[in-house]
Amino acid sequence: MLPTPKKFFVTAAAAEGHSCLNAFDNALLKARIGNVNLLRVSSILPPGAEFDPDLELPPGSLVPTAYGSIVSEVPGETISAAVGVGISEDTFGVIMEFSGKCTREEASKAIEKMLQEAFQVRGMKLVDMKIAAVEHTVEKVGCCLAAVPLWY
C-alpha cells in the first residue's frame, strides 16, 4: 500500500522545442517537474494534504501528478493549460485540469467553473482554490502544461 501524499503544489509553464516531446519535456523542466517520473493520477487531493509552493522534489522520484497539457505545431496559435485544486473545510479536495486553444484567462475561468461544479455535485463546501495557468503563442513547436504534483 502506498503512503498518502501530504504535500502538493500547483504549477504551469510553457516552452518551445524541436519536437513535440522536447517541447513537453522543456515545459516540464520550466514547471519544476522535469527531473521526476510522473505517475498520472485522477482528480482527488488526499485529506490533510498541505499546499507547499516551494516544495522541491528529489530527482528520479515517482510523483503522483494530475496534469493537463497541449502541444501545437501551428506557428502563431495561442494555446493554454490550467490546473486547479479545490479545497474543502475538513475532507478531501478535488483537482481539475484543462488545456486548449484559448487564452490563459479563459483556461483559468474554465478551471474555476469545473471546481465549483465538482464541489456542488459532491455536496461539499468549497473554501479555497489554488489555480495555475499559462498561455503560449507557438513559434515552431510549443507546449503548455499545468500540473499538481503530490508528495509524501
N, C-alpha and C. Protein backbone atom coordinates (compact mmCIF):
# COMPACT_ATOMS: atom_id res chain seq x y z
N MET A 1 0.84 -1.18 0.00
CA MET A 1 0.00 0.00 0.00
C MET A 1 0.89 1.25 0.00
N LEU A 2 0.55 2.21 -0.84
CA LEU A 2 1.32 3.45 -0.93
C LEU A 2 0.95 4.40 0.21
N PRO A 3 1.92 5.18 0.67
CA PRO A 3 1.60 6.19 1.69
C PRO A 3 0.74 7.30 1.08
N THR A 4 -0.02 7.98 1.93
CA THR A 4 -0.88 9.07 1.47
C THR A 4 -0.06 10.34 1.28
N PRO A 5 -0.19 10.98 0.10
CA PRO A 5 0.53 12.24 -0.11
C PRO A 5 0.14 13.29 0.93
N LYS A 6 1.13 14.05 1.41
CA LYS A 6 0.89 15.04 2.45
C LYS A 6 1.15 16.47 1.99
N LYS A 7 1.76 16.65 0.82
CA LYS A 7 2.05 17.98 0.32
C LYS A 7 1.74 18.04 -1.17
N PHE A 8 1.48 19.26 -1.64
CA PHE A 8 1.23 19.46 -3.06
C PHE A 8 1.57 20.89 -3.43
N PHE A 9 1.75 21.13 -4.73
CA PHE A 9 1.84 22.48 -5.25
C PHE A 9 1.17 22.52 -6.61
N VAL A 10 0.89 23.72 -7.10
CA VAL A 10 0.33 23.89 -8.43
C VAL A 10 1.38 24.59 -9.28
N THR A 11 1.47 24.20 -10.54
CA THR A 11 2.49 24.77 -11.40
C THR A 11 1.99 24.80 -12.84
N ALA A 12 2.48 25.76 -13.59
CA ALA A 12 2.14 25.84 -15.01
C ALA A 12 3.31 26.48 -15.74
N ALA A 13 3.59 25.99 -16.93
CA ALA A 13 4.71 26.53 -17.72
C ALA A 13 4.49 26.23 -19.20
N ALA A 14 5.16 27.02 -20.03
CA ALA A 14 5.11 26.83 -21.47
C ALA A 14 6.53 26.83 -22.01
N ALA A 15 6.74 26.13 -23.11
CA ALA A 15 8.07 26.07 -23.71
C ALA A 15 7.97 25.68 -25.17
N GLU A 16 9.04 25.96 -25.88
CA GLU A 16 9.21 25.53 -27.26
C GLU A 16 10.19 24.37 -27.27
N GLY A 17 10.17 23.60 -28.35
CA GLY A 17 11.12 22.52 -28.54
C GLY A 17 11.23 22.20 -30.02
N HIS A 18 12.19 21.35 -30.38
CA HIS A 18 12.35 20.97 -31.79
C HIS A 18 11.41 19.85 -32.20
N SER A 19 10.78 19.21 -31.19
CA SER A 19 9.79 18.17 -31.45
C SER A 19 8.69 18.32 -30.39
N CYS A 20 7.59 17.63 -30.60
CA CYS A 20 6.51 17.68 -29.61
C CYS A 20 6.97 17.18 -28.24
N LEU A 21 7.73 16.08 -28.23
CA LEU A 21 8.19 15.54 -26.96
C LEU A 21 9.19 16.48 -26.28
N ASN A 22 10.08 17.10 -27.07
CA ASN A 22 11.02 18.06 -26.48
C ASN A 22 10.30 19.28 -25.94
N ALA A 23 9.27 19.76 -26.62
CA ALA A 23 8.50 20.89 -26.12
C ALA A 23 7.84 20.53 -24.79
N PHE A 24 7.28 19.32 -24.71
CA PHE A 24 6.66 18.84 -23.47
C PHE A 24 7.70 18.73 -22.36
N ASP A 25 8.84 18.13 -22.67
CA ASP A 25 9.91 17.99 -21.68
C ASP A 25 10.40 19.35 -21.20
N ASN A 26 10.56 20.30 -22.11
CA ASN A 26 11.02 21.63 -21.73
C ASN A 26 9.99 22.34 -20.85
N ALA A 27 8.70 22.13 -21.11
CA ALA A 27 7.67 22.70 -20.24
C ALA A 27 7.71 22.06 -18.86
N LEU A 28 7.94 20.75 -18.82
CA LEU A 28 8.09 20.07 -17.52
C LEU A 28 9.24 20.68 -16.72
N LEU A 29 10.37 20.90 -17.39
CA LEU A 29 11.52 21.49 -16.70
C LEU A 29 11.20 22.88 -16.15
N LYS A 30 10.54 23.71 -16.96
CA LYS A 30 10.18 25.05 -16.50
C LYS A 30 9.18 25.02 -15.35
N ALA A 31 8.37 23.96 -15.30
CA ALA A 31 7.36 23.81 -14.25
C ALA A 31 7.93 23.15 -12.99
N ARG A 32 9.23 22.86 -12.97
CA ARG A 32 9.93 22.26 -11.83
C ARG A 32 9.61 20.78 -11.61
N ILE A 33 9.13 20.11 -12.67
CA ILE A 33 8.82 18.68 -12.53
C ILE A 33 9.43 17.87 -13.68
N GLY A 34 10.49 18.38 -14.27
CA GLY A 34 11.10 17.72 -15.41
C GLY A 34 12.10 16.64 -15.07
N ASN A 35 12.52 16.57 -13.82
CA ASN A 35 13.53 15.57 -13.43
C ASN A 35 12.97 14.52 -12.49
N VAL A 36 11.65 14.34 -12.55
CA VAL A 36 11.00 13.29 -11.77
C VAL A 36 10.15 12.44 -12.72
N ASN A 37 9.70 11.31 -12.25
CA ASN A 37 8.85 10.41 -13.03
C ASN A 37 7.40 10.64 -12.62
N LEU A 38 6.62 11.18 -13.53
CA LEU A 38 5.23 11.47 -13.23
C LEU A 38 4.38 10.20 -13.31
N LEU A 39 3.58 9.99 -12.29
CA LEU A 39 2.58 8.93 -12.30
C LEU A 39 1.24 9.64 -12.40
N ARG A 40 0.63 9.59 -13.55
CA ARG A 40 -0.60 10.36 -13.77
C ARG A 40 -1.73 9.80 -12.91
N VAL A 41 -2.36 10.71 -12.17
CA VAL A 41 -3.46 10.33 -11.31
C VAL A 41 -4.70 11.13 -11.68
N SER A 42 -5.84 10.65 -11.23
CA SER A 42 -7.07 11.39 -11.45
C SER A 42 -7.19 12.50 -10.41
N SER A 43 -8.35 12.94 -10.11
CA SER A 43 -8.53 14.28 -9.59
C SER A 43 -8.93 14.43 -8.12
N ILE A 44 -8.37 13.66 -7.23
CA ILE A 44 -8.71 13.82 -5.82
C ILE A 44 -7.46 14.16 -5.01
N LEU A 45 -7.56 15.24 -4.24
CA LEU A 45 -6.50 15.64 -3.32
C LEU A 45 -6.74 14.92 -2.00
N PRO A 46 -5.77 14.17 -1.50
CA PRO A 46 -5.97 13.42 -0.26
C PRO A 46 -6.27 14.33 0.93
N PRO A 47 -7.07 13.84 1.89
CA PRO A 47 -7.35 14.62 3.09
C PRO A 47 -6.05 14.99 3.80
N GLY A 48 -5.98 16.21 4.30
CA GLY A 48 -4.82 16.65 5.08
C GLY A 48 -3.62 17.09 4.26
N ALA A 49 -3.68 17.00 2.94
CA ALA A 49 -2.54 17.43 2.12
C ALA A 49 -2.37 18.94 2.24
N GLU A 50 -1.13 19.38 2.44
CA GLU A 50 -0.83 20.79 2.65
C GLU A 50 -0.22 21.41 1.41
N PHE A 51 -0.64 22.64 1.10
CA PHE A 51 -0.10 23.40 -0.02
C PHE A 51 1.30 23.89 0.35
N ASP A 52 2.29 23.56 -0.50
CA ASP A 52 3.67 23.98 -0.27
C ASP A 52 4.25 24.46 -1.61
N PRO A 53 4.13 25.77 -1.91
CA PRO A 53 4.57 26.28 -3.21
C PRO A 53 6.08 26.15 -3.44
N ASP A 54 6.86 25.96 -2.38
CA ASP A 54 8.31 25.85 -2.51
C ASP A 54 8.81 24.41 -2.45
N LEU A 55 7.90 23.46 -2.51
CA LEU A 55 8.25 22.05 -2.42
C LEU A 55 9.26 21.66 -3.49
N GLU A 56 10.33 21.01 -3.09
CA GLU A 56 11.34 20.51 -4.02
C GLU A 56 11.25 19.00 -4.05
N LEU A 57 11.18 18.45 -5.25
CA LEU A 57 11.05 17.02 -5.43
C LEU A 57 12.40 16.39 -5.75
N PRO A 58 12.76 15.29 -5.08
CA PRO A 58 14.03 14.63 -5.34
C PRO A 58 14.09 14.08 -6.77
N PRO A 59 15.15 14.36 -7.51
CA PRO A 59 15.28 13.85 -8.88
C PRO A 59 15.08 12.33 -8.94
N GLY A 60 14.37 11.90 -9.96
CA GLY A 60 14.14 10.47 -10.17
C GLY A 60 12.99 9.89 -9.40
N SER A 61 12.37 10.68 -8.53
CA SER A 61 11.27 10.18 -7.70
C SER A 61 10.04 9.85 -8.55
N LEU A 62 9.24 8.92 -8.04
CA LEU A 62 7.94 8.62 -8.62
C LEU A 62 6.95 9.59 -7.96
N VAL A 63 6.33 10.46 -8.76
CA VAL A 63 5.50 11.53 -8.21
C VAL A 63 4.07 11.46 -8.78
N PRO A 64 3.10 11.10 -7.94
CA PRO A 64 1.71 11.15 -8.41
C PRO A 64 1.38 12.58 -8.82
N THR A 65 0.85 12.75 -10.03
CA THR A 65 0.62 14.09 -10.57
C THR A 65 -0.64 14.11 -11.43
N ALA A 66 -1.49 15.09 -11.17
CA ALA A 66 -2.62 15.36 -12.06
C ALA A 66 -2.17 16.48 -12.98
N TYR A 67 -2.32 16.31 -14.29
CA TYR A 67 -1.86 17.37 -15.18
C TYR A 67 -2.65 17.40 -16.48
N GLY A 68 -2.61 18.57 -17.11
CA GLY A 68 -3.15 18.76 -18.44
C GLY A 68 -2.09 19.41 -19.29
N SER A 69 -2.06 19.07 -20.56
CA SER A 69 -1.07 19.67 -21.46
C SER A 69 -1.62 19.73 -22.87
N ILE A 70 -1.00 20.60 -23.65
CA ILE A 70 -1.34 20.73 -25.06
C ILE A 70 -0.06 21.06 -25.81
N VAL A 71 0.10 20.46 -26.98
CA VAL A 71 1.24 20.73 -27.85
C VAL A 71 0.69 21.16 -29.20
N SER A 72 1.34 22.15 -29.80
CA SER A 72 0.92 22.63 -31.12
C SER A 72 2.13 22.86 -32.01
N GLU A 73 1.96 22.57 -33.28
CA GLU A 73 2.97 22.83 -34.29
C GLU A 73 2.48 23.88 -35.29
N VAL A 74 1.53 24.71 -34.85
CA VAL A 74 0.94 25.74 -35.71
C VAL A 74 1.48 27.11 -35.29
N PRO A 75 2.45 27.65 -36.02
CA PRO A 75 3.00 28.95 -35.66
C PRO A 75 1.91 30.02 -35.54
N GLY A 76 2.01 30.81 -34.47
CA GLY A 76 1.05 31.87 -34.22
C GLY A 76 -0.17 31.45 -33.42
N GLU A 77 -0.37 30.14 -33.25
CA GLU A 77 -1.52 29.65 -32.49
C GLU A 77 -1.34 29.93 -31.00
N THR A 78 -2.41 30.32 -30.33
CA THR A 78 -2.39 30.53 -28.88
C THR A 78 -2.93 29.28 -28.21
N ILE A 79 -2.14 28.74 -27.29
CA ILE A 79 -2.55 27.56 -26.52
C ILE A 79 -2.42 27.87 -25.04
N SER A 80 -3.17 27.14 -24.22
CA SER A 80 -3.13 27.36 -22.78
C SER A 80 -3.36 26.05 -22.03
N ALA A 81 -2.91 26.05 -20.79
CA ALA A 81 -3.19 24.94 -19.88
C ALA A 81 -3.40 25.53 -18.49
N ALA A 82 -4.27 24.90 -17.73
CA ALA A 82 -4.54 25.35 -16.36
C ALA A 82 -4.86 24.15 -15.50
N VAL A 83 -4.61 24.32 -14.22
CA VAL A 83 -4.94 23.30 -13.24
C VAL A 83 -5.44 24.02 -11.99
N GLY A 84 -6.34 23.37 -11.29
CA GLY A 84 -6.84 23.97 -10.07
C GLY A 84 -7.11 22.91 -9.02
N VAL A 85 -6.91 23.31 -7.77
CA VAL A 85 -7.22 22.45 -6.64
C VAL A 85 -8.31 23.14 -5.83
N GLY A 86 -9.41 22.45 -5.66
CA GLY A 86 -10.48 22.95 -4.80
C GLY A 86 -10.31 22.33 -3.42
N ILE A 87 -10.34 23.18 -2.41
CA ILE A 87 -10.08 22.72 -1.04
C ILE A 87 -11.36 22.82 -0.22
N SER A 88 -11.65 21.76 0.50
CA SER A 88 -12.84 21.71 1.35
C SER A 88 -12.47 22.12 2.78
N GLU A 89 -13.48 22.22 3.63
CA GLU A 89 -13.23 22.60 5.02
C GLU A 89 -12.48 21.52 5.79
N ASP A 90 -12.89 20.27 5.63
CA ASP A 90 -12.35 19.25 6.53
C ASP A 90 -12.24 17.86 5.91
N THR A 91 -12.24 17.79 4.59
CA THR A 91 -12.15 16.48 3.96
C THR A 91 -11.23 16.57 2.73
N PHE A 92 -11.37 15.68 1.81
CA PHE A 92 -10.52 15.66 0.63
C PHE A 92 -10.82 16.85 -0.27
N GLY A 93 -9.93 17.07 -1.24
CA GLY A 93 -10.12 18.13 -2.22
C GLY A 93 -10.29 17.54 -3.61
N VAL A 94 -10.51 18.42 -4.58
CA VAL A 94 -10.71 17.98 -5.96
C VAL A 94 -9.74 18.76 -6.86
N ILE A 95 -9.14 18.05 -7.80
CA ILE A 95 -8.21 18.65 -8.76
C ILE A 95 -8.85 18.60 -10.14
N MET A 96 -8.74 19.71 -10.87
CA MET A 96 -9.24 19.75 -12.25
C MET A 96 -8.13 20.25 -13.16
N GLU A 97 -8.07 19.69 -14.37
CA GLU A 97 -7.07 20.06 -15.36
C GLU A 97 -7.78 20.52 -16.63
N PHE A 98 -7.13 21.42 -17.37
CA PHE A 98 -7.70 21.93 -18.61
C PHE A 98 -6.57 22.29 -19.56
N SER A 99 -6.78 22.06 -20.86
CA SER A 99 -5.87 22.56 -21.88
C SER A 99 -6.67 22.80 -23.14
N GLY A 100 -6.25 23.82 -23.91
CA GLY A 100 -6.99 24.11 -25.13
C GLY A 100 -6.38 25.24 -25.93
N LYS A 101 -7.03 25.55 -27.03
CA LYS A 101 -6.62 26.65 -27.90
C LYS A 101 -7.40 27.88 -27.46
N CYS A 102 -6.86 28.55 -26.45
CA CYS A 102 -7.54 29.69 -25.84
C CYS A 102 -6.52 30.50 -25.05
N THR A 103 -7.00 31.55 -24.38
CA THR A 103 -6.12 32.37 -23.56
C THR A 103 -5.98 31.80 -22.16
N ARG A 104 -4.99 32.31 -21.45
CA ARG A 104 -4.77 31.93 -20.05
C ARG A 104 -6.00 32.25 -19.22
N GLU A 105 -6.59 33.42 -19.46
CA GLU A 105 -7.77 33.83 -18.70
C GLU A 105 -8.94 32.87 -18.93
N GLU A 106 -9.14 32.47 -20.19
CA GLU A 106 -10.22 31.52 -20.49
C GLU A 106 -9.97 30.17 -19.82
N ALA A 107 -8.73 29.73 -19.80
CA ALA A 107 -8.39 28.47 -19.15
C ALA A 107 -8.64 28.55 -17.65
N SER A 108 -8.24 29.66 -17.02
CA SER A 108 -8.47 29.83 -15.58
C SER A 108 -9.95 29.84 -15.23
N LYS A 109 -10.73 30.53 -16.04
CA LYS A 109 -12.18 30.58 -15.79
C LYS A 109 -12.81 29.19 -15.95
N ALA A 110 -12.34 28.43 -16.92
CA ALA A 110 -12.84 27.07 -17.10
C ALA A 110 -12.56 26.23 -15.86
N ILE A 111 -11.36 26.37 -15.30
CA ILE A 111 -11.00 25.62 -14.09
C ILE A 111 -11.90 26.02 -12.93
N GLU A 112 -12.11 27.31 -12.73
CA GLU A 112 -12.98 27.77 -11.64
C GLU A 112 -14.36 27.14 -11.75
N LYS A 113 -14.95 27.15 -12.94
CA LYS A 113 -16.28 26.58 -13.14
C LYS A 113 -16.28 25.07 -12.88
N MET A 114 -15.22 24.39 -13.34
CA MET A 114 -15.13 22.95 -13.14
C MET A 114 -15.04 22.60 -11.65
N LEU A 115 -14.25 23.37 -10.91
CA LEU A 115 -14.13 23.12 -9.46
C LEU A 115 -15.45 23.38 -8.75
N GLN A 116 -16.12 24.47 -9.11
CA GLN A 116 -17.41 24.77 -8.48
C GLN A 116 -18.41 23.65 -8.73
N GLU A 117 -18.46 23.15 -9.97
CA GLU A 117 -19.38 22.06 -10.27
C GLU A 117 -19.01 20.78 -9.52
N ALA A 118 -17.71 20.46 -9.47
CA ALA A 118 -17.27 19.24 -8.78
C ALA A 118 -17.68 19.25 -7.31
N PHE A 119 -17.56 20.41 -6.67
CA PHE A 119 -17.94 20.51 -5.26
C PHE A 119 -19.46 20.48 -5.10
N GLN A 120 -20.16 21.14 -6.00
CA GLN A 120 -21.62 21.15 -5.93
C GLN A 120 -22.18 19.74 -6.07
N VAL A 121 -21.68 18.99 -7.05
CA VAL A 121 -22.15 17.63 -7.29
C VAL A 121 -21.86 16.73 -6.08
N ARG A 122 -20.75 16.98 -5.40
CA ARG A 122 -20.41 16.17 -4.23
C ARG A 122 -21.08 16.65 -2.95
N GLY A 123 -21.76 17.78 -3.00
CA GLY A 123 -22.40 18.33 -1.82
C GLY A 123 -21.40 18.83 -0.80
N MET A 124 -20.25 19.30 -1.27
CA MET A 124 -19.19 19.77 -0.38
C MET A 124 -19.06 21.29 -0.49
N LYS A 125 -18.55 21.91 0.57
CA LYS A 125 -18.33 23.34 0.58
C LYS A 125 -16.90 23.64 0.10
N LEU A 126 -16.81 24.48 -0.94
CA LEU A 126 -15.53 24.90 -1.50
C LEU A 126 -15.05 26.12 -0.72
N VAL A 127 -13.91 25.99 -0.02
CA VAL A 127 -13.44 27.11 0.80
C VAL A 127 -12.23 27.83 0.22
N ASP A 128 -11.52 27.19 -0.71
CA ASP A 128 -10.36 27.83 -1.30
C ASP A 128 -10.03 27.14 -2.63
N MET A 129 -9.38 27.89 -3.51
CA MET A 129 -8.91 27.34 -4.78
C MET A 129 -7.47 27.77 -4.99
N LYS A 130 -6.65 26.87 -5.47
CA LYS A 130 -5.28 27.15 -5.90
C LYS A 130 -5.25 26.87 -7.40
N ILE A 131 -4.99 27.91 -8.19
CA ILE A 131 -5.02 27.76 -9.65
C ILE A 131 -3.70 28.23 -10.25
N ALA A 132 -3.22 27.48 -11.23
CA ALA A 132 -2.05 27.88 -12.02
C ALA A 132 -2.43 27.74 -13.48
N ALA A 133 -2.09 28.75 -14.29
CA ALA A 133 -2.43 28.72 -15.71
C ALA A 133 -1.32 29.37 -16.52
N VAL A 134 -1.22 28.98 -17.78
CA VAL A 134 -0.20 29.53 -18.65
C VAL A 134 -0.74 29.61 -20.08
N GLU A 135 -0.24 30.60 -20.81
CA GLU A 135 -0.62 30.81 -22.21
C GLU A 135 0.66 30.90 -23.03
N HIS A 136 0.59 30.45 -24.27
CA HIS A 136 1.78 30.49 -25.13
C HIS A 136 1.36 30.70 -26.58
N THR A 137 2.09 31.55 -27.27
CA THR A 137 1.91 31.70 -28.72
C THR A 137 3.02 30.89 -29.39
N VAL A 138 2.61 29.92 -30.17
CA VAL A 138 3.54 28.96 -30.77
C VAL A 138 4.45 29.64 -31.79
N GLU A 139 5.75 29.34 -31.66
CA GLU A 139 6.73 29.80 -32.65
C GLU A 139 6.96 28.70 -33.69
N LYS A 140 7.32 27.50 -33.23
CA LYS A 140 7.52 26.35 -34.11
C LYS A 140 6.78 25.14 -33.55
N VAL A 141 7.23 24.67 -32.38
CA VAL A 141 6.55 23.59 -31.66
C VAL A 141 6.45 24.04 -30.21
N GLY A 142 5.23 24.30 -29.75
CA GLY A 142 5.04 24.82 -28.40
C GLY A 142 4.21 23.89 -27.54
N CYS A 143 4.42 23.99 -26.24
CA CYS A 143 3.68 23.17 -25.28
C CYS A 143 3.29 24.03 -24.08
N CYS A 144 2.07 23.85 -23.61
CA CYS A 144 1.64 24.39 -22.33
C CYS A 144 1.30 23.21 -21.43
N LEU A 145 1.68 23.32 -20.17
CA LEU A 145 1.48 22.26 -19.19
C LEU A 145 1.07 22.90 -17.87
N ALA A 146 0.11 22.29 -17.20
CA ALA A 146 -0.28 22.70 -15.86
C ALA A 146 -0.43 21.42 -15.02
N ALA A 147 0.09 21.45 -13.79
CA ALA A 147 0.15 20.21 -13.02
C ALA A 147 0.01 20.44 -11.52
N VAL A 148 -0.43 19.38 -10.85
CA VAL A 148 -0.47 19.34 -9.39
C VAL A 148 0.29 18.10 -8.94
N PRO A 149 1.58 18.27 -8.60
CA PRO A 149 2.36 17.15 -8.06
C PRO A 149 1.99 16.92 -6.59
N LEU A 150 1.90 15.66 -6.20
CA LEU A 150 1.59 15.27 -4.82
C LEU A 150 2.82 14.60 -4.21
N TRP A 151 3.13 14.95 -2.97
CA TRP A 151 4.34 14.41 -2.36
C TRP A 151 4.09 13.96 -0.93
N TYR A 152 5.03 13.16 -0.38
CA TYR A 152 4.83 12.49 0.91
C TYR A 152 5.47 13.19 2.06
